[in-house]
C-alpha atoms as a PDB file:
ATOM      1  CA  MET A   1      29.255  44.985 -23.869  1.00  0.00           C
ATOM      2  CA  SER A   2      26.498  47.341 -22.874  1.00  0.00           C
ATOM      3  CA  GLU A   3      25.725  48.157 -19.258  1.00  0.00           C
ATOM      4  CA  LEU A   4      22.385  46.303 -19.488  1.00  0.00           C
ATOM      5  CA  ALA A   5      24.042  43.154 -20.825  1.00  0.00           C
ATOM      6  CA  ALA A   6      26.686  43.328 -18.107  1.00  0.00           C
ATOM      7  CA  LYS A   7      24.003  43.559 -15.396  1.00  0.00           C
ATOM      8  CA  LYS A   8      22.133  40.599 -16.902  1.00  0.00           C
ATOM      9  CA  SER A   9      25.323  38.543 -17.054  1.00  0.00           C
ATOM     10  CA  ALA A  10      26.110  39.333 -13.409  1.00  0.00           C
ATOM     11  CA  ARG A  11      22.545  38.489 -12.340  1.00  0.00           C
ATOM     12  CA  ASP A  12      22.664  35.166 -14.203  1.00  0.00           C
ATOM     13  CA  ALA A  13      25.985  34.329 -12.557  1.00  0.00           C
ATOM     14  CA  ARG A  14      24.569  35.069  -9.096  1.00  0.00           C
ATOM     15  CA  ASN A  15      21.444  32.956  -9.796  1.00  0.00           C
ATOM     16  CA  LEU A  16      23.594  30.077 -11.062  1.00  0.00           C
ATOM     17  CA  ALA A  17      25.837  30.236  -7.996  1.00  0.00           C
ATOM     18  CA  ALA A  18      22.808  30.315  -5.654  1.00  0.00           C
ATOM     19  CA  SER A  19      21.153  27.405  -7.499  1.00  0.00           C
ATOM     20  CA  THR A  20      24.358  25.346  -7.372  1.00  0.00           C
ATOM     21  CA  ALA A  21      24.805  26.053  -3.655  1.00  0.00           C
ATOM     22  CA  ALA A  22      21.167  25.069  -2.968  1.00  0.00           C
ATOM     23  CA  LYS A  23      21.587  21.786  -4.854  1.00  0.00           C
ATOM     24  CA  VAL A  24      24.778  20.958  -2.948  1.00  0.00           C
ATOM     25  CA  ALA A  25      23.083  21.786   0.377  1.00  0.00           C
ATOM     26  CA  ALA A  26      20.012  19.695  -0.501  1.00  0.00           C
ATOM     27  CA  LYS A  27      22.207  16.763  -1.552  1.00  0.00           C
ATOM     28  CA  SER A  28      24.172  16.989   1.698  1.00  0.00           C
ATOM     29  CA  GLU A  29      20.950  17.155   3.723  1.00  0.00           C
ATOM     30  CA  ARG A  30      19.516  14.084   1.983  1.00  0.00           C
ATOM     31  CA  LYS A  31      22.712  12.178   2.669  1.00  0.00           C
ATOM     32  CA  GLU A  32      22.578  13.115   6.353  1.00  0.00           C
ATOM     33  CA  GLN A  33      18.931  12.020   6.530  1.00  0.00           C
ATOM     34  CA  ARG A  34      19.778   8.668   4.912  1.00  0.00           C
ATOM     35  CA  ASN A  35      22.619   8.070   7.349  1.00  0.00           C
ATOM     36  CA  ALA A  36      20.449   9.063  10.309  1.00  0.00           C
ATOM     37  CA  LEU A  37      17.630   6.781   9.099  1.00  0.00           C
ATOM     38  CA  ALA A  38      20.058   3.877   8.722  1.00  0.00           C
ATOM     39  CA  ALA A  39      21.320   4.445  12.268  1.00  0.00           C
ATOM     40  CA  ARG A  40      17.753   4.596  13.644  1.00  0.00           C
ATOM     41  CA  THR A  41      16.856   1.439  11.728  1.00  0.00           C
ATOM     42  CA  ARG A  42      19.703  -0.457  13.391  1.00  0.00           C
ATOM     43  CA  GLY A  43      18.418   0.794  16.732  1.00  0.00           C
ATOM     44  CA  TYR A  44      14.886  -0.348  15.877  1.00  0.00           C
ATOM     45  CA  TYR A  45      16.089  -3.865  15.029  1.00  0.00           C
ATOM     46  CA  ALA A  46      17.994  -4.040  18.317  1.00  0.00           C
ATOM     47  CA  GLU A  47      14.848  -2.874  20.148  1.00  0.00           C
ATOM     48  CA  TYR A  48      12.694  -5.509  18.423  1.00  0.00           C
ATOM     49  CA  ALA A  49      15.204  -8.263  19.228  1.00  0.00           C
ATOM     50  CA  ALA A  50      15.413  -7.203  22.882  1.00  0.00           C
ATOM     51  CA  SER A  51      11.617  -7.150  23.163  1.00  0.00           C
ATOM     52  CA  ASP A  52      11.283 -10.636  21.652  1.00  0.00           C
ATOM     53  CA  LEU A  53      14.005 -11.975  23.938  1.00  0.00           C
ATOM     54  CA  ALA A  54      12.299 -10.495  27.000  1.00  0.00           C
ATOM     55  CA  ILE A  55       9.030 -12.259  26.118  1.00  0.00           C
ATOM     56  CA  VAL A  56      10.817 -15.576  25.516  1.00  0.00           C
ATOM     57  CA  ASN A  57      12.631 -15.303  28.872  1.00  0.00           C
ATOM     58  CA  ALA A  58       9.367 -14.446  30.652  1.00  0.00           C
ATOM     59  CA  ARG A  59       7.690 -17.522  29.168  1.00  0.00           C
ATOM     60  CA  ARG A  60      10.589 -19.747  30.197  1.00  0.00           C
ATOM     61  CA  GLN A  61      10.597 -18.403  33.741  1.00  0.00           C
ATOM     62  CA  ALA A  62       6.852 -18.957  34.025  1.00  0.00           C
ATOM     63  CA  LYS A  63       7.256 -22.532  32.796  1.00  0.00           C
ATOM     64  CA  LEU A  64      10.068 -23.249  35.250  1.00  0.00           C
ATOM     65  CA  ALA A  65       7.922 -21.902  38.075  1.00  0.00           C
ATOM     66  CA  ASN A  66       4.961 -24.063  36.963  1.00  0.00           C
ATOM     67  CA  SER A  67       3.031 -20.875  36.365  1.00  0.00           C
ATOM     68  CA  PHE A  68       1.396 -19.134  33.429  1.00  0.00           C
ATOM     69  CA  TYR A  69       2.683 -16.242  31.377  1.00  0.00           C
ATOM     70  CA  CYS A  70       0.055 -13.583  30.674  1.00  0.00           C
ATOM     71  CA  GLU A  71       0.547 -12.310  27.135  1.00  0.00           C
ATOM     72  CA  PRO A  72       0.627  -8.488  26.731  1.00  0.00           C
ATOM     73  CA  GLU A  73      -2.728  -6.880  25.973  1.00  0.00           C
ATOM     74  CA  GLN A  74      -3.468  -5.771  22.430  1.00  0.00           C
ATOM     75  CA  THR A  75      -2.194  -2.233  21.969  1.00  0.00           C
ATOM     76  CA  PHE A  76      -3.272  -2.003  18.337  1.00  0.00           C
ATOM     77  CA  VAL A  77      -5.023  -4.254  15.859  1.00  0.00           C
ATOM     78  CA  PHE A  78      -5.343  -4.671  12.123  1.00  0.00           C
ATOM     79  CA  ALA A  79      -9.022  -4.703  11.153  1.00  0.00           C
ATOM     80  CA  ILE A  80     -10.310  -6.091   7.842  1.00  0.00           C
ATOM     81  CA  ARG A  81     -13.819  -5.627   6.506  1.00  0.00           C
ATOM     82  CA  ILE A  82     -15.255  -8.940   5.293  1.00  0.00           C
ATOM     83  CA  ARG A  83     -18.955  -8.225   4.581  1.00  0.00           C
ATOM     84  CA  GLY A  84     -21.018  -5.778   2.529  1.00  0.00           C
ATOM     85  CA  ILE A  85     -23.924  -3.484   3.412  1.00  0.00           C
ATOM     86  CA  ILE A  86     -26.804  -5.955   3.142  1.00  0.00           C
ATOM     87  CA  GLY A  87     -28.766  -5.898   6.381  1.00  0.00           C
ATOM     88  CA  MET A  88     -26.467  -3.296   7.918  1.00  0.00           C
ATOM     89  CA  SER A  89     -27.876  -0.697  10.310  1.00  0.00           C
ATOM     90  CA  PRO A  90     -27.077   3.022   9.825  1.00  0.00           C
ATOM     91  CA  LYS A  91     -25.116   3.061  13.089  1.00  0.00           C
ATOM     92  CA  THR A  92     -22.919   0.173  11.966  1.00  0.00           C
ATOM     93  CA  ARG A  93     -22.341   1.839   8.596  1.00  0.00           C
ATOM     94  CA  LYS A  94     -21.296   5.060  10.324  1.00  0.00           C
ATOM     95  CA  ILE A  95     -18.811   3.240  12.564  1.00  0.00           C
ATOM     96  CA  LEU A  96     -17.269   1.509   9.550  1.00  0.00           C
ATOM     97  CA  GLN A  97     -16.891   4.912   7.887  1.00  0.00           C
ATOM     98  CA  LEU A  98     -15.187   6.279  10.993  1.00  0.00           C
ATOM     99  CA  LEU A  99     -12.814   3.311  10.916  1.00  0.00           C
ATOM    100  CA  ARG A 100     -12.202   4.001   7.185  1.00  0.00           C
ATOM    101  CA  LEU A 101     -13.445   0.520   6.274  1.00  0.00           C
ATOM    102  CA  ARG A 102     -15.637   1.557   3.345  1.00  0.00           C
ATOM    103  CA  GLN A 103     -15.042  -1.455   1.084  1.00  0.00           C
ATOM    104  CA  ILE A 104     -14.808  -5.215   1.445  1.00  0.00           C
ATOM    105  CA  ASN A 105     -11.216  -6.457   1.977  1.00  0.00           C
ATOM    106  CA  ASN A 106     -10.078  -3.019   3.138  1.00  0.00           C
ATOM    107  CA  GLY A 107      -7.755  -3.127   6.138  1.00  0.00           C
ATOM    108  CA  VAL A 108      -6.622  -0.461   8.629  1.00  0.00           C
ATOM    109  CA  PHE A 109      -4.558  -0.220  11.800  1.00  0.00           C
ATOM    110  CA  VAL A 110      -6.574   0.714  14.883  1.00  0.00           C
ATOM    111  CA  LYS A 111      -5.141   1.856  18.223  1.00  0.00           C
ATOM    112  CA  MET A 112      -6.908   0.004  21.014  1.00  0.00           C
ATOM    113  CA  ASN A 113      -8.653   1.956  23.746  1.00  0.00           C
ATOM    114  CA  LYS A 114     -12.075   1.814  25.346  1.00  0.00           C
ATOM    115  CA  ALA A 115     -13.756   3.723  22.508  1.00  0.00           C
ATOM    116  CA  THR A 116     -12.244   1.732  19.619  1.00  0.00           C
ATOM    117  CA  GLU A 117     -12.794  -1.537  21.491  1.00  0.00           C
ATOM    118  CA  ASN A 118     -16.525  -0.755  21.742  1.00  0.00           C
ATOM    119  CA  MET A 119     -16.634   0.294  18.079  1.00  0.00           C
ATOM    120  CA  LEU A 120     -15.026  -2.954  16.935  1.00  0.00           C
ATOM    121  CA  ARG A 121     -17.402  -4.932  19.121  1.00  0.00           C
ATOM    122  CA  LEU A 122     -20.410  -3.223  17.508  1.00  0.00           C
ATOM    123  CA  VAL A 123     -19.199  -3.910  13.957  1.00  0.00           C
ATOM    124  CA  GLY A 124     -17.863  -7.358  14.859  1.00  0.00           C
ATOM    125  CA  PRO A 125     -20.106  -9.281  12.426  1.00  0.00           C
ATOM    126  CA  TYR A 126     -18.724  -7.242   9.513  1.00  0.00           C
ATOM    127  CA  VAL A 127     -15.005  -7.226  10.316  1.00  0.00           C
ATOM    128  CA  THR A 128     -12.264  -9.475  11.561  1.00  0.00           C
ATOM    129  CA  TYR A 129      -9.309  -8.156  13.506  1.00  0.00           C
ATOM    130  CA  GLY A 130      -6.324  -9.038  15.674  1.00  0.00           C
ATOM    131  CA  GLN A 131      -2.890  -7.806  16.675  1.00  0.00           C
ATOM    132  CA  PRO A 132      -0.385  -8.278  13.832  1.00  0.00           C
ATOM    133  CA  ASN A 133       3.250  -9.088  14.474  1.00  0.00           C
ATOM    134  CA  LEU A 134       6.156  -7.012  13.192  1.00  0.00           C
ATOM    135  CA  ALA A 135       6.605  -9.190  10.101  1.00  0.00           C
ATOM    136  CA  SER A 136       2.967  -8.654   9.056  1.00  0.00           C
ATOM    137  CA  VAL A 137       3.203  -4.885   9.578  1.00  0.00           C
ATOM    138  CA  ARG A 138       6.354  -4.735   7.474  1.00  0.00           C
ATOM    139  CA  LYS A 139       4.840  -6.828   4.657  1.00  0.00           C
ATOM    140  CA  LEU A 140       1.709  -4.693   4.578  1.00  0.00           C
ATOM    141  CA  MET A 141       3.759  -1.501   4.395  1.00  0.00           C
ATOM    142  CA  TYR A 142       6.161  -2.612   1.707  1.00  0.00           C
ATOM    143  CA  LYS A 143       3.702  -4.573  -0.455  1.00  0.00           C
ATOM    144  CA  ARG A 144       0.459  -2.610  -0.097  1.00  0.00           C
ATOM    145  CA  GLY A 145       1.497   0.706   1.441  1.00  0.00           C
ATOM    146  CA  TYR A 146      -0.113   3.776  -0.143  1.00  0.00           C
ATOM    147  CA  ALA A 147       0.066   7.334   1.146  1.00  0.00           C
ATOM    148  CA  LYS A 148      -2.709   9.900   1.363  1.00  0.00           C
ATOM    149  CA  VAL A 149      -1.319  13.229   0.175  1.00  0.00           C
ATOM    150  CA  GLY A 150      -2.858  16.479  -0.986  1.00  0.00           C
ATOM    151  CA  LYS A 151      -6.639  16.443  -1.307  1.00  0.00           C
ATOM    152  CA  GLY A 152      -7.192  12.707  -0.927  1.00  0.00           C
ATOM    153  CA  GLN A 153      -4.636  11.675  -3.528  1.00  0.00           C
ATOM    154  CA  ARG A 154      -3.562   8.016  -3.255  1.00  0.00           C
ATOM    155  CA  ILE A 155       0.029   7.323  -4.265  1.00  0.00           C
ATOM    156  CA  PRO A 156       2.289   4.293  -3.670  1.00  0.00           C
ATOM    157  CA  ILE A 157       5.052   4.735  -1.103  1.00  0.00           C
ATOM    158  CA  THR A 158       8.003   4.239  -3.417  1.00  0.00           C
ATOM    159  CA  ASP A 159      10.389   6.748  -1.812  1.00  0.00           C
ATOM    160  CA  ASN A 160      11.216   7.907   1.695  1.00  0.00           C
ATOM    161  CA  GLU A 161      10.848  11.492   0.434  1.00  0.00           C
ATOM    162  CA  ILE A 162       7.076  10.986   0.264  1.00  0.00           C
ATOM    163  CA  ILE A 163       7.039  10.163   3.981  1.00  0.00           C
ATOM    164  CA  ALA A 164       9.550  12.849   4.956  1.00  0.00           C
ATOM    165  CA  ASN A 165       7.669  15.618   3.134  1.00  0.00           C
ATOM    166  CA  LYS A 166       4.444  14.813   4.990  1.00  0.00           C
ATOM    167  CA  LEU A 167       5.574  13.597   8.432  1.00  0.00           C
ATOM    168  CA  GLY A 168       9.203  14.689   8.775  1.00  0.00           C
ATOM    169  CA  SER A 169       8.891  18.134  10.284  1.00  0.00           C
ATOM    170  CA  THR A 170       5.784  17.426  12.389  1.00  0.00           C
ATOM    171  CA  CYS A 171       6.387  13.871  13.622  1.00  0.00           C
ATOM    172  CA  GLY A 172      10.073  13.149  13.050  1.00  0.00           C
ATOM    173  CA  ILE A 173       9.202  10.314  10.650  1.00  0.00           C
ATOM    174  CA  TYR A 174      11.541  10.432   7.655  1.00  0.00           C
ATOM    175  CA  GLY A 175      11.385   6.959   6.145  1.00  0.00           C
ATOM    176  CA  MET A 176       9.599   3.635   5.897  1.00  0.00           C
ATOM    177  CA  GLU A 177      11.367   2.103   8.895  1.00  0.00           C
ATOM    178  CA  ASP A 178      10.420   5.128  11.014  1.00  0.00           C
ATOM    179  CA  LEU A 179       6.811   4.662   9.909  1.00  0.00           C
ATOM    180  CA  ILE A 180       6.847   0.915  10.647  1.00  0.00           C
ATOM    181  CA  HIS A 181       8.334   1.540  14.089  1.00  0.00           C
ATOM    182  CA  GLU A 182       5.713   4.173  14.909  1.00  0.00           C
ATOM    183  CA  ILE A 183       2.881   1.796  13.999  1.00  0.00           C
ATOM    184  CA  ALA A 184       4.353  -1.392  15.499  1.00  0.00           C
ATOM    185  CA  THR A 185       5.196   0.243  18.838  1.00  0.00           C
ATOM    186  CA  VAL A 186       2.098   2.508  18.923  1.00  0.00           C
ATOM    187  CA  GLY A 187       4.275   5.587  19.272  1.00  0.00           C
ATOM    188  CA  PRO A 188       3.140   9.110  20.264  1.00  0.00           C
ATOM    189  CA  ASN A 189       2.501  10.008  16.609  1.00  0.00           C
ATOM    190  CA  PHE A 190       0.533   6.836  15.825  1.00  0.00           C
ATOM    191  CA  LYS A 191      -2.591   8.785  14.819  1.00  0.00           C
ATOM    192  CA  GLN A 192      -0.764  11.024  12.324  1.00  0.00           C
ATOM    193  CA  ALA A 193       1.197   8.079  10.896  1.00  0.00           C
ATOM    194  CA  ASN A 194      -1.941   5.961  10.549  1.00  0.00           C
ATOM    195  CA  ASN A 195      -3.925   8.768   8.902  1.00  0.00           C
ATOM    196  CA  PHE A 196      -1.059   9.230   6.446  1.00  0.00           C
ATOM    197  CA  LEU A 197      -1.623   5.648   5.280  1.00  0.00           C
ATOM    198  CA  TRP A 198      -4.411   4.937   2.833  1.00  0.00           C
ATOM    199  CA  PRO A 199      -6.597   1.943   3.865  1.00  0.00           C
ATOM    200  CA  PHE A 200      -4.915  -1.219   2.635  1.00  0.00           C
ATOM    201  CA  LYS A 201      -6.629  -2.842  -0.347  1.00  0.00           C
ATOM    202  CA  LEU A 202      -6.223  -6.606   0.060  1.00  0.00           C
ATOM    203  CA  ASN A 203      -7.133  -9.594  -2.077  1.00  0.00           C
ATOM    204  CA  SER A 204      -9.693 -12.210  -1.133  1.00  0.00           C
ATOM    205  CA  PRO A 205      -7.863 -14.873   0.912  1.00  0.00           C
ATOM    206  CA  ASN A 206      -6.525 -17.951  -0.840  1.00  0.00           C
ATOM    207  CA  GLY A 207      -9.115 -20.653  -0.358  1.00  0.00           C
ATOM    208  CA  GLY A 208     -11.788 -18.111   0.579  1.00  0.00           C
ATOM    209  CA  PHE A 209     -13.417 -17.437   3.925  1.00  0.00           C
ATOM    210  CA  VAL A 210     -14.931 -20.224   6.013  1.00  0.00           C
ATOM    211  CA  ASN A 211     -18.119 -18.514   7.246  1.00  0.00           C
ATOM    212  CA  LYS A 212     -18.329 -14.716   7.347  1.00  0.00           C
ATOM    213  CA  ARG A 213     -21.518 -14.731   9.435  1.00  0.00           C
ATOM    214  CA  GLN A 214     -20.036 -16.788  12.244  1.00  0.00           C
ATOM    215  CA  HIS A 215     -17.561 -15.665  14.906  1.00  0.00           C
ATOM    216  CA  PHE A 216     -13.965 -16.864  14.660  1.00  0.00           C
ATOM    217  CA  ASN A 217     -14.237 -18.620  18.039  1.00  0.00           C
ATOM    218  CA  GLU A 218     -17.157 -20.632  16.642  1.00  0.00           C
ATOM    219  CA  GLY A 219     -15.285 -21.707  13.530  1.00  0.00           C
ATOM    220  CA  GLY A 220     -16.172 -18.702  11.369  1.00  0.00           C
ATOM    221  CA  ASP A 221     -14.293 -15.585  10.297  1.00  0.00           C
ATOM    222  CA  SER A 222     -15.696 -12.487  12.000  1.00  0.00           C
ATOM    223  CA  GLY A 223     -14.621 -10.867  15.252  1.00  0.00           C
ATOM    224  CA  ASN A 224     -11.363 -10.893  17.187  1.00  0.00           C
ATOM    225  CA  ARG A 225      -8.915 -13.594  16.089  1.00  0.00           C
ATOM    226  CA  GLU A 226      -5.955 -12.216  18.100  1.00  0.00           C
ATOM    227  CA  HIS A 227      -2.583 -13.398  16.713  1.00  0.00           C
ATOM    228  CA  PHE A 228      -4.252 -15.595  14.090  1.00  0.00           C
ATOM    229  CA  ILE A 229      -4.769 -12.408  12.080  1.00  0.00           C
ATOM    230  CA  ASN A 230      -1.218 -12.932  10.796  1.00  0.00           C
ATOM    231  CA  ASN A 231      -2.258 -16.095   8.937  1.00  0.00           C
ATOM    232  CA  LEU A 232      -5.124 -14.235   7.278  1.00  0.00           C
ATOM    233  CA  ILE A 233      -2.925 -11.285   6.286  1.00  0.00           C
ATOM    234  CA  LYS A 234      -0.499 -13.700   4.653  1.00  0.00           C
ATOM    235  CA  LYS A 235      -3.340 -15.200   2.613  1.00  0.00           C
ATOM    236  CA  MET A 236      -4.671 -11.824   1.513  1.00  0.00           C
ATOM    237  CA  LEU A 237      -1.433 -10.115   0.409  1.00  0.00           C
END
């Protein structure tokens, strides 16, 4: 064997050994991430159960004391656009663009603060919104969850790797349950997690809307419907 062939053979052997070692390391890392995600998921479920139990106990204590239980304020909402652009002012159109509600039946999560509360109030006739429960958040994620990757590319979230590659190193979000927990609890990385999600494309509700031009409190569909948003989400999935 010539000297050149011997060098090539040695180089190929080194490359093969390095490639094999990298694959083994990557496989081990993925396994560790899966185990860690499973452990965090169990912790999330315990946290959800404890939170629900605390609310139930608070309601019972208020009832025993012949008092009233004040429900927690909305920390985030799910907003759905229900009307088109006919008769819409430029300011309203701009707010809907900022909220990423560019099409009818598009839905997004919105963190509630003074600014977003005023924005939702201004576009109230064109949207309906309310605070979804954990079950609704989970159904939206698993059934209609799409990720925004690259230069505006929309892809379905079919693998935790999609989430980990985008949010793992920066936000510590490595899987779907991490993402659900961040949204449902309005965590410190809520903005990054929410921007990672493409606006949800929903169907028209079964049975249709009642009256899009009338407020929900008046028997219509627009505006804040609080926890009743869960019924509408169920109809539109």
